[in-house]
């Protein structure tokens, strides 16, 4: 969610008259948090979480290009510790997804997208553009978008359905390649 979406949600939930008022409210809250943290303070919002400034000690790292030692200067960073209700909301979200982890879902979606790209590239390379193969590819791509937008049940369906769709697509591709 971006700042604009957050402002729209604030407008609706707070009953504000327009988007500009909601955006100003969001900006005011963020400025207040930023100001307190810049002054070295802590912002604690009950059941939401706590923002604190933490100091990082200087250390020696490696230059990724050359592998040579590199001095990393001490710095300050912001740490967020979620409150009780925030933790409970995250747990409920994971249960809504059938106990699946969001990262598992994202990994599955990226894997499916990668396979689709590989199949499309192979089709183009071989010059195979038959209607059946293109239709299978298009259906799989559309299904990924639909299921990705659908929530927890969609995640479970993706796990079951995509392997069958890819098996069918790869088999059709193999047959087409053998014919040519």
Protein backbone atom coordinates (compact mmCIF):
# COMPACT_ATOMS: atom_id res chain seq x y z
CA UNK A 1 0.00 0.00 0.00
CA UNK A 2 1.30 3.42 -0.90
CA UNK A 3 0.80 6.79 0.73
CA UNK A 4 -2.05 7.69 -1.63
CA UNK A 5 -3.98 4.50 -0.84
CA UNK A 6 -3.40 5.07 2.87
CA UNK A 7 -4.79 8.60 2.55
CA UNK A 8 -7.91 7.26 0.82
CA UNK A 9 -8.43 4.72 3.61
CA UNK A 10 -7.99 7.46 6.24
CA UNK A 11 -10.53 9.61 4.38
CA UNK A 12 -13.11 6.80 4.42
CA UNK A 13 -12.50 5.59 7.99
CA UNK A 14 -12.26 9.07 9.54
CA UNK A 15 -15.17 10.47 7.53
CA UNK A 16 -13.13 13.31 6.08
CA UNK A 17 -14.65 15.39 3.31
CA UNK A 18 -11.92 15.10 0.69
CA UNK A 19 -8.69 13.42 -0.25
CA UNK A 20 -6.61 16.55 0.42
CA UNK A 21 -7.63 16.57 4.10
CA UNK A 22 -6.73 12.90 4.44
CA UNK A 23 -3.38 13.40 2.72
CA UNK A 24 -2.64 16.32 5.04
CA UNK A 25 -3.50 14.16 8.06
CA UNK A 26 -1.21 11.35 6.87
CA UNK A 27 1.58 13.86 6.17
CA UNK A 28 1.15 15.41 9.63
CA UNK A 29 1.43 12.01 11.34
CA UNK A 30 4.48 11.01 9.32
CA UNK A 31 6.14 14.39 9.96
CA UNK A 32 5.50 14.05 13.70
CA UNK A 33 7.02 10.54 13.75
CA UNK A 34 9.97 11.69 11.63
CA UNK A 35 10.58 14.71 13.88
CA UNK A 36 10.53 12.66 17.08
CA UNK A 37 12.93 10.08 15.65
CA UNK A 38 15.24 12.81 14.33
CA UNK A 39 15.40 14.20 17.86
CA UNK A 40 16.47 10.76 19.10
CA UNK A 41 13.12 9.95 20.69
CA UNK A 42 10.85 6.93 20.52
CA UNK A 43 7.33 6.76 19.08
CA UNK A 44 5.17 4.13 20.75
CA UNK A 45 1.63 3.51 19.48
CA UNK A 46 -0.25 1.09 21.73
CA UNK A 47 -1.12 -2.21 19.98
CA UNK A 48 0.45 -0.94 16.76
CA UNK A 49 4.15 -0.83 17.52
CA UNK A 50 7.19 1.15 18.54
CA UNK A 51 9.62 3.09 16.36
CA UNK A 52 13.09 3.60 17.87
CA UNK A 53 16.42 4.89 16.64
CA UNK A 54 19.22 2.35 16.98
CA UNK A 55 22.94 2.93 16.56
CA UNK A 56 25.00 0.63 14.36
CA UNK A 57 28.66 0.26 15.22
CA UNK A 58 31.32 0.77 12.58
CA UNK A 59 32.71 -2.40 11.07
CA UNK A 60 34.87 -3.77 8.30
CA UNK A 61 33.15 -5.14 5.21
CA UNK A 62 34.22 -6.23 1.74
CA UNK A 63 33.98 -4.38 -1.53
CA UNK A 64 31.72 -6.71 -3.59
CA UNK A 65 33.58 -5.95 -6.84
CA UNK A 66 37.16 -6.29 -5.67
CA UNK A 67 36.86 -8.27 -2.44
CA UNK A 68 39.10 -5.73 -0.68
CA UNK A 69 38.38 -4.77 2.95
CA UNK A 70 36.21 -1.68 3.29
CA UNK A 71 35.57 0.44 6.40
CA UNK A 72 31.87 0.91 7.09
CA UNK A 73 31.17 3.97 9.23
CA UNK A 74 28.91 3.88 12.30
CA UNK A 75 25.33 4.86 11.50
CA UNK A 76 21.86 5.19 12.93
CA UNK A 77 18.79 3.37 11.71
CA UNK A 78 15.09 3.14 12.59
CA UNK A 79 13.79 -0.05 14.14
CA UNK A 80 10.11 -1.01 14.29
CA UNK A 81 8.81 -3.49 16.85
CA UNK A 82 5.20 -4.55 16.17
CA UNK A 83 2.65 -4.41 19.00
CA UNK A 84 0.36 -7.21 20.15
CA UNK A 85 -2.54 -6.46 17.79
CA UNK A 86 -0.16 -6.07 14.85
CA UNK A 87 1.37 -9.49 15.57
CA UNK A 88 -2.09 -11.04 15.91
CA UNK A 89 -3.17 -9.50 12.59
CA UNK A 90 -0.10 -10.95 10.87
CA UNK A 91 -0.81 -14.38 12.38
CA UNK A 92 -4.45 -14.21 11.29
CA UNK A 93 -3.34 -13.24 7.79
CA UNK A 94 -1.10 -16.31 7.58
CA UNK A 95 -3.96 -18.53 8.75
CA UNK A 96 -6.28 -16.98 6.16
CA UNK A 97 -3.80 -18.11 3.53
CA UNK A 98 -4.23 -21.69 4.72
CA UNK A 99 -1.19 -21.43 6.96
CA UNK A 100 0.94 -20.63 3.92
CA UNK A 101 3.61 -18.03 4.20
CA UNK A 102 3.27 -14.95 1.97
CA UNK A 103 6.86 -15.44 0.87
CA UNK A 104 5.98 -18.98 -0.25
CA UNK A 105 3.18 -17.50 -2.32
CA UNK A 106 5.46 -14.88 -3.87
CA UNK A 107 8.08 -17.54 -4.61
CA UNK A 108 5.47 -19.71 -6.31
CA UNK A 109 4.18 -16.78 -8.35
CA UNK A 110 7.73 -15.86 -9.47
CA UNK A 111 8.41 -19.50 -10.38
CA UNK A 112 5.26 -19.65 -12.49
CA UNK A 113 6.11 -16.33 -14.17
CA UNK A 114 9.64 -17.58 -14.93
CA UNK A 115 8.31 -20.81 -16.42
CA UNK A 116 5.88 -18.86 -18.57
CA UNK A 117 8.70 -16.66 -19.87
CA UNK A 118 10.85 -19.72 -20.64
CA UNK A 119 8.04 -21.42 -22.52
CA UNK A 120 7.24 -18.27 -24.48
CA UNK A 121 10.93 -17.82 -25.38
CA UNK A 122 11.18 -21.46 -26.48
CA UNK A 123 8.06 -21.07 -28.63
CA UNK A 124 9.51 -17.98 -30.29
CA UNK A 125 12.91 -19.60 -30.79
CA UNK A 126 11.42 -22.66 -32.45
CA UNK A 127 9.04 -20.60 -34.52
CA UNK A 128 6.15 -22.63 -33.17
CA UNK A 129 3.15 -20.37 -33.01
CA UNK A 130 0.27 -22.79 -33.28
CA UNK A 131 -3.05 -21.64 -31.87
CA UNK A 132 -3.19 -24.47 -29.33
CA UNK A 133 0.19 -23.64 -27.79
CA UNK A 134 -0.44 -19.91 -27.73
CA UNK A 135 -3.87 -20.47 -26.20
CA UNK A 136 -2.39 -22.67 -23.46
CA UNK A 137 0.23 -20.04 -22.72
CA UNK A 138 -2.31 -17.20 -22.65
CA UNK A 139 -4.71 -19.18 -20.42
CA UNK A 140 -1.94 -19.95 -17.94
CA UNK A 141 -0.81 -16.31 -17.83
CA UNK A 142 -4.38 -15.06 -17.29
CA UNK A 143 -4.97 -17.70 -14.61
CA UNK A 144 -1.86 -16.58 -12.74
CA UNK A 145 -3.13 -12.99 -12.66
CA UNK A 146 -6.62 -14.03 -11.55
CA UNK A 147 -5.39 -16.31 -8.80
CA UNK A 148 -2.81 -13.82 -7.59
CA UNK A 149 -5.53 -11.26 -7.01
CA UNK A 150 -7.89 -13.70 -5.30
CA UNK A 151 -6.38 -14.36 -1.85
CA UNK A 152 -5.80 -17.50 0.22
CA UNK A 153 -8.05 -19.90 -1.64
CA UNK A 154 -6.36 -18.87 -4.86
CA UNK A 155 -2.96 -19.69 -3.39
CA UNK A 156 -4.09 -23.23 -2.62
CA UNK A 157 -5.57 -23.56 -6.11
CA UNK A 158 -2.35 -22.30 -7.67
CA UNK A 159 -0.36 -25.01 -5.91
CA UNK A 160 -2.66 -27.70 -7.32
CA UNK A 161 -3.52 -26.35 -10.74
CA UNK A 162 -0.38 -24.90 -12.25
CA UNK A 163 1.64 -28.09 -12.30
CA UNK A 164 -1.08 -29.74 -14.40
CA UNK A 165 -1.33 -26.74 -16.72
CA UNK A 166 2.43 -26.65 -17.24
CA UNK A 167 2.60 -30.38 -17.83
CA UNK A 168 -0.04 -30.05 -20.55
CA UNK A 169 1.70 -27.03 -22.06
CA UNK A 170 5.12 -28.69 -22.07
CA UNK A 171 3.66 -31.88 -23.61
CA UNK A 172 1.96 -29.90 -26.37
CA UNK A 173 5.17 -27.98 -26.97
CA UNK A 174 7.18 -31.21 -27.15
CA UNK A 175 4.76 -32.73 -29.68
CA UNK A 176 4.87 -29.59 -31.80
CA UNK A 177 8.67 -29.55 -31.77
CA UNK A 178 8.77 -33.25 -32.73
CA UNK A 179 6.45 -32.55 -35.69
CA UNK A 180 8.68 -29.78 -36.99
